[in-house]
Each structure stands twice: as C-alpha cells, then as structure tokens.
Amino acid sequence: ATTDAVRAELREAFGYVVREAVTNVLRHSDAELCTVRLGTDWIE
C-alpha cells in the first residue's frame, strides 16, 4: 500500500525491478497471482 519505508537512493532502481518483473510475468508466465513485497533496502 505504501513505499515510504524504501530508501530514497533505491527507489528508482526498485522501480525498474517492478517494471521488468511484471513485464516478464505478463510475457512468459501463466500466473494467476503476482506478489510484491518491499523493505527498507530490498524488494521481492
């Protein structure tokens, strides 16, 4: 729901991670659920 915990210097790089990972889910996966989890200095 929020990204306030993420360090400022990592926000842009993590934005690219979200974009590429979601693009791969749409292109190459038959998934029904996609989950994104955030931390101060990590994203999954």
ModelCIF file with pLDDT and N, C-alpha, C, O atoms, coordinates in Angstrom:
data_MODEL
#
_entry.id   MODEL 
#
_entity.id                         1 
_entity.type                       polymer 
_entity.pdbx_number_of_molecules   1 
#
_entity_poly.entity_id                      1 
_entity_poly.type                           'polypeptide(L)' 
_entity_poly.nstd_linkage                   no 
_entity_poly.nstd_monomer                   no 
_entity_poly.pdbx_seq_one_letter_code       ATTDAVRAELREAFGYVVREAVTNVLRHSDAELCTVRLGTDWIE 
_entity_poly.pdbx_seq_one_letter_code_can   ATTDAVRAELREAFGYVVREAVTNVLRHSDAELCTVRLGTDWIE 
_entity_poly.pdbx_strand_id                 A 
#
loop_
_entity_poly_seq.entity_id 
_entity_poly_seq.num 
_entity_poly_seq.mon_id 
_entity_poly_seq.hetero 
1 1  ALA n 
1 2  THR n 
1 3  THR n 
1 4  ASP n 
1 5  ALA n 
1 6  VAL n 
1 7  ARG n 
1 8  ALA n 
1 9  GLU n 
1 10 LEU n 
1 11 ARG n 
1 12 GLU n 
1 13 ALA n 
1 14 PHE n 
1 15 GLY n 
1 16 TYR n 
1 17 VAL n 
1 18 VAL n 
1 19 ARG n 
1 20 GLU n 
1 21 ALA n 
1 22 VAL n 
1 23 THR n 
1 24 ASN n 
1 25 VAL n 
1 26 LEU n 
1 27 ARG n 
1 28 HIS n 
1 29 SER n 
1 30 ASP n 
1 31 ALA n 
1 32 GLU n 
1 33 LEU n 
1 34 CYS n 
1 35 THR n 
1 36 VAL n 
1 37 ARG n 
1 38 LEU n 
1 39 GLY n 
1 40 THR n 
1 41 ASP n 
1 42 TRP n 
1 43 ILE n 
1 44 GLU n 
#
_struct_asym.id          A 
_struct_asym.entity_id   1 
#
loop_
_ma_qa_metric.id 
_ma_qa_metric.mode 
_ma_qa_metric.name 
_ma_qa_metric.software_group_id 
_ma_qa_metric.type 
1 global pLDDT . pLDDT 
2 local  pLDDT . pLDDT 
#
_ma_qa_metric_global.metric_id      1 
_ma_qa_metric_global.metric_value   86.89 
_ma_qa_metric_global.model_id       1 
_ma_qa_metric_global.ordinal_id     1 
#
loop_
_ma_qa_metric_local.label_asym_id 
_ma_qa_metric_local.label_comp_id 
_ma_qa_metric_local.label_seq_id 
_ma_qa_metric_local.metric_id 
_ma_qa_metric_local.metric_value 
_ma_qa_metric_local.model_id 
_ma_qa_metric_local.ordinal_id 
A ALA 1  2 85.00 1 1  
A THR 2  2 84.00 1 2  
A THR 3  2 86.00 1 3  
A ASP 4  2 83.00 1 4  
A ALA 5  2 85.00 1 5  
A VAL 6  2 89.00 1 6  
A ARG 7  2 88.00 1 7  
A ALA 8  2 84.00 1 8  
A GLU 9  2 85.00 1 9  
A LEU 10 2 88.00 1 10 
A ARG 11 2 87.00 1 11 
A GLU 12 2 85.00 1 12 
A ALA 13 2 87.00 1 13 
A PHE 14 2 90.00 1 14 
A GLY 15 2 88.00 1 15 
A TYR 16 2 87.00 1 16 
A VAL 17 2 90.00 1 17 
A VAL 18 2 90.00 1 18 
A ARG 19 2 86.00 1 19 
A GLU 20 2 86.00 1 20 
A ALA 21 2 89.00 1 21 
A VAL 22 2 88.00 1 22 
A THR 23 2 84.00 1 23 
A ASN 24 2 85.00 1 24 
A VAL 25 2 86.00 1 25 
A LEU 26 2 82.00 1 26 
A ARG 27 2 79.00 1 27 
A HIS 28 2 73.00 1 28 
A SER 29 2 73.00 1 29 
A ASP 30 2 80.00 1 30 
A ALA 31 2 85.00 1 31 
A GLU 32 2 88.00 1 32 
A LEU 33 2 90.00 1 33 
A CYS 34 2 91.00 1 34 
A THR 35 2 92.00 1 35 
A VAL 36 2 94.00 1 36 
A ARG 37 2 93.00 1 37 
A LEU 38 2 92.00 1 38 
A GLY 39 2 89.00 1 39 
A THR 40 2 89.00 1 40 
A ASP 41 2 89.00 1 41 
A TRP 42 2 92.00 1 42 
A ILE 43 2 93.00 1 43 
A GLU 44 2 94.00 1 44 
#
loop_
_atom_site.group_PDB 
_atom_site.id 
_atom_site.type_symbol 
_atom_site.label_atom_id 
_atom_site.label_alt_id 
_atom_site.label_comp_id 
_atom_site.label_asym_id 
_atom_site.label_entity_id 
_atom_site.label_seq_id 
_atom_site.pdbx_PDB_ins_code 
_atom_site.Cartn_x 
_atom_site.Cartn_y 
_atom_site.Cartn_z 
_atom_site.occupancy 
_atom_site.B_iso_or_equiv 
_atom_site.pdbx_formal_charge 
_atom_site.auth_seq_id 
_atom_site.auth_comp_id 
_atom_site.auth_asym_id 
_atom_site.auth_atom_id 
_atom_site.pdbx_PDB_model_num 
ATOM 1   N N  . ALA A 1 1  ? 0.814  -1.208  0.000   1.00 85.00 ? 1  ALA A N  1 
ATOM 2   C CA . ALA A 1 1  ? 0.000  0.000   0.000   1.00 85.00 ? 1  ALA A CA 1 
ATOM 3   C C  . ALA A 1 1  ? 0.849  1.260   0.000   1.00 85.00 ? 1  ALA A C  1 
ATOM 4   O O  . ALA A 1 1  ? 0.398  2.301   -0.476  1.00 85.00 ? 1  ALA A O  1 
ATOM 5   N N  . THR A 1 2  ? 2.048  1.191   0.514   1.00 84.00 ? 2  THR A N  1 
ATOM 6   C CA . THR A 1 2  ? 2.910  2.372   0.591   1.00 84.00 ? 2  THR A CA 1 
ATOM 7   C C  . THR A 1 2  ? 4.361  1.970   0.351   1.00 84.00 ? 2  THR A C  1 
ATOM 8   O O  . THR A 1 2  ? 4.754  0.822   0.558   1.00 84.00 ? 2  THR A O  1 
ATOM 9   N N  . THR A 1 3  ? 5.136  2.942   -0.087  1.00 86.00 ? 3  THR A N  1 
ATOM 10  C CA . THR A 1 3  ? 6.568  2.704   -0.338  1.00 86.00 ? 3  THR A CA 1 
ATOM 11  C C  . THR A 1 3  ? 7.435  3.615   0.517   1.00 86.00 ? 3  THR A C  1 
ATOM 12  O O  . THR A 1 3  ? 8.612  3.813   0.213   1.00 86.00 ? 3  THR A O  1 
ATOM 13  N N  . ASP A 1 4  ? 6.870  4.170   1.581   1.00 83.00 ? 4  ASP A N  1 
ATOM 14  C CA . ASP A 1 4  ? 7.606  5.137   2.394   1.00 83.00 ? 4  ASP A CA 1 
ATOM 15  C C  . ASP A 1 4  ? 8.845  4.541   3.047   1.00 83.00 ? 4  ASP A C  1 
ATOM 16  O O  . ASP A 1 4  ? 9.801  5.264   3.326   1.00 83.00 ? 4  ASP A O  1 
ATOM 17  N N  . ALA A 1 5  ? 8.844  3.237   3.294   1.00 85.00 ? 5  ALA A N  1 
ATOM 18  C CA . ALA A 1 5  ? 9.971  2.626   4.008   1.00 85.00 ? 5  ALA A CA 1 
ATOM 19  C C  . ALA A 1 5  ? 11.213 2.478   3.131   1.00 85.00 ? 5  ALA A C  1 
ATOM 20  O O  . ALA A 1 5  ? 12.315 2.306   3.652   1.00 85.00 ? 5  ALA A O  1 
ATOM 21  N N  . VAL A 1 6  ? 11.054 2.540   1.818   1.00 89.00 ? 6  VAL A N  1 
ATOM 22  C CA . VAL A 1 6  ? 12.185 2.299   0.916   1.00 89.00 ? 6  VAL A CA 1 
ATOM 23  C C  . VAL A 1 6  ? 13.127 3.502   0.927   1.00 89.00 ? 6  VAL A C  1 
ATOM 24  O O  . VAL A 1 6  ? 12.680 4.649   0.892   1.00 89.00 ? 6  VAL A O  1 
ATOM 25  N N  . ARG A 1 7  ? 14.431 3.233   0.976   1.00 88.00 ? 7  ARG A N  1 
ATOM 26  C CA . ARG A 1 7  ? 15.427 4.299   0.957   1.00 88.00 ? 7  ARG A CA 1 
ATOM 27  C C  . ARG A 1 7  ? 15.361 5.072   -0.355  1.00 88.00 ? 7  ARG A C  1 
ATOM 28  O O  . ARG A 1 7  ? 15.134 4.492   -1.416  1.00 88.00 ? 7  ARG A O  1 
ATOM 29  N N  . ALA A 1 8  ? 15.561 6.387   -0.274  1.00 84.00 ? 8  ALA A N  1 
ATOM 30  C CA . ALA A 1 8  ? 15.384 7.268   -1.433  1.00 84.00 ? 8  ALA A CA 1 
ATOM 31  C C  . ALA A 1 8  ? 16.300 6.884   -2.585  1.00 84.00 ? 8  ALA A C  1 
ATOM 32  O O  . ALA A 1 8  ? 15.885 6.910   -3.743  1.00 84.00 ? 8  ALA A O  1 
ATOM 33  N N  . GLU A 1 9  ? 17.556 6.524   -2.273  1.00 85.00 ? 9  GLU A N  1 
ATOM 34  C CA . GLU A 1 9  ? 18.504 6.238   -3.346  1.00 85.00 ? 9  GLU A CA 1 
ATOM 35  C C  . GLU A 1 9  ? 18.220 4.925   -4.072  1.00 85.00 ? 9  GLU A C  1 
ATOM 36  O O  . GLU A 1 9  ? 18.809 4.654   -5.119  1.00 85.00 ? 9  GLU A O  1 
ATOM 37  N N  . LEU A 1 10 ? 17.304 4.094   -3.509  1.00 88.00 ? 10 LEU A N  1 
ATOM 38  C CA . LEU A 1 10 ? 16.984 2.808   -4.137  1.00 88.00 ? 10 LEU A CA 1 
ATOM 39  C C  . LEU A 1 10 ? 15.648 2.829   -4.862  1.00 88.00 ? 10 LEU A C  1 
ATOM 40  O O  . LEU A 1 10 ? 15.295 1.850   -5.520  1.00 88.00 ? 10 LEU A O  1 
ATOM 41  N N  . ARG A 1 11 ? 14.894 3.924   -4.757  1.00 87.00 ? 11 ARG A N  1 
ATOM 42  C CA . ARG A 1 11 ? 13.541 3.945   -5.308  1.00 87.00 ? 11 ARG A CA 1 
ATOM 43  C C  . ARG A 1 11 ? 13.540 3.773   -6.835  1.00 87.00 ? 11 ARG A C  1 
ATOM 44  O O  . ARG A 1 11 ? 12.753 2.997   -7.378  1.00 87.00 ? 11 ARG A O  1 
ATOM 45  N N  . GLU A 1 12 ? 14.425 4.500   -7.515  1.00 85.00 ? 12 GLU A N  1 
ATOM 46  C CA . GLU A 1 12 ? 14.435 4.397   -8.976  1.00 85.00 ? 12 GLU A CA 1 
ATOM 47  C C  . GLU A 1 12 ? 14.829 2.996   -9.423  1.00 85.00 ? 12 GLU A C  1 
ATOM 48  O O  . GLU A 1 12 ? 14.191 2.424   -10.306 1.00 85.00 ? 12 GLU A O  1 
ATOM 49  N N  . ALA A 1 13 ? 15.889 2.433   -8.812  1.00 87.00 ? 13 ALA A N  1 
ATOM 50  C CA . ALA A 1 13 ? 16.324 1.081   -9.194  1.00 87.00 ? 13 ALA A CA 1 
ATOM 51  C C  . ALA A 1 13 ? 15.223 0.060   -8.916  1.00 87.00 ? 13 ALA A C  1 
ATOM 52  O O  . ALA A 1 13 ? 14.992 -0.832  -9.733  1.00 87.00 ? 13 ALA A O  1 
ATOM 53  N N  . PHE A 1 14 ? 14.536 0.179   -7.768  1.00 90.00 ? 14 PHE A N  1 
ATOM 54  C CA . PHE A 1 14 ? 13.453 -0.756  -7.452  1.00 90.00 ? 14 PHE A CA 1 
ATOM 55  C C  . PHE A 1 14 ? 12.261 -0.564  -8.388  1.00 90.00 ? 14 PHE A C  1 
ATOM 56  O O  . PHE A 1 14 ? 11.537 -1.516  -8.677  1.00 90.00 ? 14 PHE A O  1 
ATOM 57  N N  . GLY A 1 15 ? 12.058 0.678   -8.866  1.00 88.00 ? 15 GLY A N  1 
ATOM 58  C CA . GLY A 1 15 ? 11.017 0.905   -9.859  1.00 88.00 ? 15 GLY A CA 1 
ATOM 59  C C  . GLY A 1 15 ? 11.282 0.122   -11.136 1.00 88.00 ? 15 GLY A C  1 
ATOM 60  O O  . GLY A 1 15 ? 10.361 -0.437  -11.731 1.00 88.00 ? 15 GLY A O  1 
ATOM 61  N N  . TYR A 1 16 ? 12.544 0.082   -11.555 1.00 87.00 ? 16 TYR A N  1 
ATOM 62  C CA . TYR A 1 16 ? 12.905 -0.714  -12.734 1.00 87.00 ? 16 TYR A CA 1 
ATOM 63  C C  . TYR A 1 16 ? 12.698 -2.214  -12.464 1.00 87.00 ? 16 TYR A C  1 
ATOM 64  O O  . TYR A 1 16 ? 12.296 -2.956  -13.360 1.00 87.00 ? 16 TYR A O  1 
ATOM 65  N N  . VAL A 1 17 ? 12.972 -2.652  -11.240 1.00 90.00 ? 17 VAL A N  1 
ATOM 66  C CA . VAL A 1 17 ? 12.769 -4.059  -10.902 1.00 90.00 ? 17 VAL A CA 1 
ATOM 67  C C  . VAL A 1 17 ? 11.291 -4.423  -11.039 1.00 90.00 ? 17 VAL A C  1 
ATOM 68  O O  . VAL A 1 17 ? 10.952 -5.455  -11.617 1.00 90.00 ? 17 VAL A O  1 
ATOM 69  N N  . VAL A 1 18 ? 10.414 -3.569  -10.504 1.00 90.00 ? 18 VAL A N  1 
ATOM 70  C CA . VAL A 1 18 ? 8.973  -3.830  -10.618 1.00 90.00 ? 18 VAL A CA 1 
ATOM 71  C C  . VAL A 1 18 ? 8.554  -3.884  -12.082 1.00 90.00 ? 18 VAL A C  1 
ATOM 72  O O  . VAL A 1 18 ? 7.820  -4.784  -12.491 1.00 90.00 ? 18 VAL A O  1 
ATOM 73  N N  . ARG A 1 19 ? 9.015  -2.936  -12.856 1.00 86.00 ? 19 ARG A N  1 
ATOM 74  C CA . ARG A 1 19 ? 8.619  -2.876  -14.264 1.00 86.00 ? 19 ARG A CA 1 
ATOM 75  C C  . ARG A 1 19 ? 9.059  -4.129  -15.014 1.00 86.00 ? 19 ARG A C  1 
ATOM 76  O O  . ARG A 1 19 ? 8.259  -4.730  -15.730 1.00 86.00 ? 19 ARG A O  1 
ATOM 77  N N  . GLU A 1 20 ? 10.302 -4.525  -14.861 1.00 86.00 ? 20 GLU A N  1 
ATOM 78  C CA . GLU A 1 20 ? 10.815 -5.676  -15.614 1.00 86.00 ? 20 GLU A CA 1 
ATOM 79  C C  . GLU A 1 20 ? 10.187 -6.979  -15.134 1.00 86.00 ? 20 GLU A C  1 
ATOM 80  O O  . GLU A 1 20 ? 9.837  -7.836  -15.946 1.00 86.00 ? 20 GLU A O  1 
ATOM 81  N N  . ALA A 1 21 ? 10.040 -7.135  -13.804 1.00 89.00 ? 21 ALA A N  1 
ATOM 82  C CA . ALA A 1 21 ? 9.478  -8.381  -13.275 1.00 89.00 ? 21 ALA A CA 1 
ATOM 83  C C  . ALA A 1 21 ? 8.019  -8.548  -13.707 1.00 89.00 ? 21 ALA A C  1 
ATOM 84  O O  . ALA A 1 21 ? 7.616  -9.642  -14.102 1.00 89.00 ? 21 ALA A O  1 
ATOM 85  N N  . VAL A 1 22 ? 7.233  -7.489  -13.636 1.00 88.00 ? 22 VAL A N  1 
ATOM 86  C CA . VAL A 1 22 ? 5.827  -7.568  -14.048 1.00 88.00 ? 22 VAL A CA 1 
ATOM 87  C C  . VAL A 1 22 ? 5.721  -7.820  -15.545 1.00 88.00 ? 22 VAL A C  1 
ATOM 88  O O  . VAL A 1 22 ? 4.856  -8.573  -15.992 1.00 88.00 ? 22 VAL A O  1 
ATOM 89  N N  . THR A 1 23 ? 6.599  -7.191  -16.320 1.00 84.00 ? 23 THR A N  1 
ATOM 90  C CA . THR A 1 23 ? 6.602  -7.439  -17.769 1.00 84.00 ? 23 THR A CA 1 
ATOM 91  C C  . THR A 1 23 ? 6.880  -8.910  -18.060 1.00 84.00 ? 23 THR A C  1 
ATOM 92  O O  . THR A 1 23 ? 6.250  -9.494  -18.941 1.00 84.00 ? 23 THR A O  1 
ATOM 93  N N  . ASN A 1 24 ? 7.812  -9.513  -17.334 1.00 85.00 ? 24 ASN A N  1 
ATOM 94  C CA . ASN A 1 24 ? 8.112  -10.931 -17.537 1.00 85.00 ? 24 ASN A CA 1 
ATOM 95  C C  . ASN A 1 24 ? 6.936  -11.817 -17.125 1.00 85.00 ? 24 ASN A C  1 
ATOM 96  O O  . ASN A 1 24 ? 6.687  -12.845 -17.753 1.00 85.00 ? 24 ASN A O  1 
ATOM 97  N N  . VAL A 1 25 ? 6.214  -11.426 -16.074 1.00 86.00 ? 25 VAL A N  1 
ATOM 98  C CA . VAL A 1 25 ? 5.038  -12.201 -15.670 1.00 86.00 ? 25 VAL A CA 1 
ATOM 99  C C  . VAL A 1 25 ? 3.997  -12.197 -16.785 1.00 86.00 ? 25 VAL A C  1 
ATOM 100 O O  . VAL A 1 25 ? 3.410  -13.233 -17.094 1.00 86.00 ? 25 VAL A O  1 
ATOM 101 N N  . LEU A 1 26 ? 3.770  -11.033 -17.386 1.00 82.00 ? 26 LEU A N  1 
ATOM 102 C CA . LEU A 1 26 ? 2.766  -10.934 -18.455 1.00 82.00 ? 26 LEU A CA 1 
ATOM 103 C C  . LEU A 1 26 ? 3.218  -11.652 -19.723 1.00 82.00 ? 26 LEU A C  1 
ATOM 104 O O  . LEU A 1 26 ? 2.404  -12.231 -20.442 1.00 82.00 ? 26 LEU A O  1 
ATOM 105 N N  . ARG A 1 27 ? 4.518  -11.609 -19.991 1.00 79.00 ? 27 ARG A N  1 
ATOM 106 C CA . ARG A 1 27 ? 5.014  -12.190 -21.243 1.00 79.00 ? 27 ARG A CA 1 
ATOM 107 C C  . ARG A 1 27 ? 5.203  -13.700 -21.162 1.00 79.00 ? 27 ARG A C  1 
ATOM 108 O O  . ARG A 1 27 ? 4.819  -14.433 -22.074 1.00 79.00 ? 27 ARG A O  1 
ATOM 109 N N  . HIS A 1 28 ? 5.789  -14.154 -20.078 1.00 73.00 ? 28 HIS A N  1 
ATOM 110 C CA . HIS A 1 28 ? 6.315  -15.513 -20.054 1.00 73.00 ? 28 HIS A CA 1 
ATOM 111 C C  . HIS A 1 28 ? 5.655  -16.424 -19.023 1.00 73.00 ? 28 HIS A C  1 
ATOM 112 O O  . HIS A 1 28 ? 6.076  -17.570 -18.866 1.00 73.00 ? 28 HIS A O  1 
ATOM 113 N N  . SER A 1 29 ? 4.643  -15.949 -18.324 1.00 73.00 ? 29 SER A N  1 
ATOM 114 C CA . SER A 1 29 ? 4.078  -16.760 -17.261 1.00 73.00 ? 29 SER A CA 1 
ATOM 115 C C  . SER A 1 29 ? 2.564  -16.880 -17.430 1.00 73.00 ? 29 SER A C  1 
ATOM 116 O O  . SER A 1 29 ? 1.913  -15.994 -17.984 1.00 73.00 ? 29 SER A O  1 
ATOM 117 N N  . ASP A 1 30 ? 2.014  -18.006 -16.936 1.00 80.00 ? 30 ASP A N  1 
ATOM 118 C CA . ASP A 1 30 ? 0.559  -18.178 -16.904 1.00 80.00 ? 30 ASP A CA 1 
ATOM 119 C C  . ASP A 1 30 ? 0.059  -18.000 -15.477 1.00 80.00 ? 30 ASP A C  1 
ATOM 120 O O  . ASP A 1 30 ? -0.889 -18.656 -15.046 1.00 80.00 ? 30 ASP A O  1 
ATOM 121 N N  . ALA A 1 31 ? 0.724  -17.089 -14.747 1.00 85.00 ? 31 ALA A N  1 
ATOM 122 C CA . ALA A 1 31 ? 0.431  -16.900 -13.329 1.00 85.00 ? 31 ALA A CA 1 
ATOM 123 C C  . ALA A 1 31 ? -0.966 -16.327 -13.130 1.00 85.00 ? 31 ALA A C  1 
ATOM 124 O O  . ALA A 1 31 ? -1.503 -15.628 -13.989 1.00 85.00 ? 31 ALA A O  1 
ATOM 125 N N  . GLU A 1 32 ? -1.539 -16.645 -11.966 1.00 88.00 ? 32 GLU A N  1 
ATOM 126 C CA . GLU A 1 32 ? -2.814 -16.066 -11.550 1.00 88.00 ? 32 GLU A CA 1 
ATOM 127 C C  . GLU A 1 32 ? -2.630 -15.034 -10.458 1.00 88.00 ? 32 GLU A C  1 
ATOM 128 O O  . GLU A 1 32 ? -3.533 -14.239 -10.198 1.00 88.00 ? 32 GLU A O  1 
ATOM 129 N N  . LEU A 1 33 ? -1.469 -15.033 -9.812  1.00 90.00 ? 33 LEU A N  1 
ATOM 130 C CA . LEU A 1 33 ? -1.205 -14.121 -8.714  1.00 90.00 ? 33 LEU A CA 1 
ATOM 131 C C  . LEU A 1 33 ? 0.231  -13.615 -8.806  1.00 90.00 ? 33 LEU A C  1 
ATOM 132 O O  . LEU A 1 33 ? 1.164  -14.384 -9.035  1.00 90.00 ? 33 LEU A O  1 
ATOM 133 N N  . CYS A 1 34 ? 0.383  -12.315 -8.623  1.00 91.00 ? 34 CYS A N  1 
ATOM 134 C CA . CYS A 1 34 ? 1.721  -11.696 -8.575  1.00 91.00 ? 34 CYS A CA 1 
ATOM 135 C C  . CYS A 1 34 ? 1.807  -10.896 -7.284  1.00 91.00 ? 34 CYS A C  1 
ATOM 136 O O  . CYS A 1 34 ? 0.947  -10.061 -7.003  1.00 91.00 ? 34 CYS A O  1 
ATOM 137 N N  . THR A 1 35 ? 2.846  -11.154 -6.504  1.00 92.00 ? 35 THR A N  1 
ATOM 138 C CA . THR A 1 35 ? 3.001  -10.532 -5.193  1.00 92.00 ? 35 THR A CA 1 
ATOM 139 C C  . THR A 1 35 ? 4.280  -9.700  -5.154  1.00 92.00 ? 35 THR A C  1 
ATOM 140 O O  . THR A 1 35 ? 5.346  -10.134 -5.591  1.00 92.00 ? 35 THR A O  1 
ATOM 141 N N  . VAL A 1 36 ? 4.137  -8.494  -4.617  1.00 94.00 ? 36 VAL A N  1 
ATOM 142 C CA . VAL A 1 36 ? 5.290  -7.606  -4.452  1.00 94.00 ? 36 VAL A CA 1 
ATOM 143 C C  . VAL A 1 36 ? 5.442  -7.290  -2.973  1.00 94.00 ? 36 VAL A C  1 
ATOM 144 O O  . VAL A 1 36 ? 4.486  -6.869  -2.322  1.00 94.00 ? 36 VAL A O  1 
ATOM 145 N N  . ARG A 1 37 ? 6.636  -7.492  -2.442  1.00 93.00 ? 37 ARG A N  1 
ATOM 146 C CA . ARG A 1 37 ? 6.933  -7.174  -1.058  1.00 93.00 ? 37 ARG A CA 1 
ATOM 147 C C  . ARG A 1 37 ? 8.121  -6.205  -1.014  1.00 93.00 ? 37 ARG A C  1 
ATOM 148 O O  . ARG A 1 37 ? 9.075  -6.330  -1.781  1.00 93.00 ? 37 ARG A O  1 
ATOM 149 N N  . LEU A 1 38 ? 8.035  -5.240  -0.099  1.00 92.00 ? 38 LEU A N  1 
ATOM 150 C CA . LEU A 1 38 ? 9.057  -4.201  -0.016  1.00 92.00 ? 38 LEU A CA 1 
ATOM 151 C C  . LEU A 1 38 ? 9.658  -4.145  1.376   1.00 92.00 ? 38 LEU A C  1 
ATOM 152 O O  . LEU A 1 38 ? 8.991  -4.450  2.365   1.00 92.00 ? 38 LEU A O  1 
ATOM 153 N N  . GLY A 1 39 ? 10.916 -3.757  1.446   1.00 89.00 ? 39 GLY A N  1 
ATOM 154 C CA . GLY A 1 39 ? 11.585 -3.474  2.703   1.00 89.00 ? 39 GLY A CA 1 
ATOM 155 C C  . GLY A 1 39 ? 12.389 -2.202  2.564   1.00 89.00 ? 39 GLY A C  1 
ATOM 156 O O  . GLY A 1 39 ? 12.331 -1.533  1.532   1.00 89.00 ? 39 GLY A O  1 
ATOM 157 N N  . THR A 1 40 ? 13.135 -1.866  3.589   1.00 89.00 ? 40 THR A N  1 
ATOM 158 C CA . THR A 1 40 ? 13.937 -0.640  3.549   1.00 89.00 ? 40 THR A CA 1 
ATOM 159 C C  . THR A 1 40 ? 14.935 -0.664  2.398   1.00 89.00 ? 40 THR A C  1 
ATOM 160 O O  . THR A 1 40 ? 15.113 0.338   1.706   1.00 89.00 ? 40 THR A O  1 
ATOM 161 N N  . ASP A 1 41 ? 15.579 -1.798  2.195   1.00 89.00 ? 41 ASP A N  1 
ATOM 162 C CA . ASP A 1 41 ? 16.589 -1.896  1.146   1.00 89.00 ? 41 ASP A CA 1 
ATOM 163 C C  . ASP A 1 41 ? 16.475 -3.212  0.379   1.00 89.00 ? 41 ASP A C  1 
ATOM 164 O O  . ASP A 1 41 ? 17.483 -3.764  -0.062  1.00 89.00 ? 41 ASP A O  1 
ATOM 165 N N  . TRP A 1 42 ? 15.245 -3.717  0.219   1.00 92.00 ? 42 TRP A N  1 
ATOM 166 C CA . TRP A 1 42 ? 15.054 -4.915  -0.592  1.00 92.00 ? 42 TRP A CA 1 
ATOM 167 C C  . TRP A 1 42 ? 13.655 -4.902  -1.179  1.00 92.00 ? 42 TRP A C  1 
ATOM 168 O O  . TRP A 1 42 ? 12.759 -4.243  -0.652  1.00 92.00 ? 42 TRP A O  1 
ATOM 169 N N  . ILE A 1 43 ? 13.469 -5.631  -2.270  1.00 93.00 ? 43 ILE A N  1 
ATOM 170 C CA . ILE A 1 43 ? 12.169 -5.796  -2.904  1.00 93.00 ? 43 ILE A CA 1 
ATOM 171 C C  . ILE A 1 43 ? 12.104 -7.207  -3.480  1.00 93.00 ? 43 ILE A C  1 
ATOM 172 O O  . ILE A 1 43 ? 13.092 -7.717  -4.008  1.00 93.00 ? 43 ILE A O  1 
ATOM 173 N N  . GLU A 1 44 ? 10.934 -7.832  -3.375  1.00 94.00 ? 44 GLU A N  1 
ATOM 174 C CA . GLU A 1 44 ? 10.749 -9.202  -3.857  1.00 94.00 ? 44 GLU A CA 1 
ATOM 175 C C  . GLU A 1 44 ? 9.468  -9.257  -4.674  1.00 94.00 ? 44 GLU A C  1 
ATOM 176 O O  . GLU A 1 44 ? 9.106  -10.317 -5.185  1.00 94.00 ? 44 GLU A O  1 
#
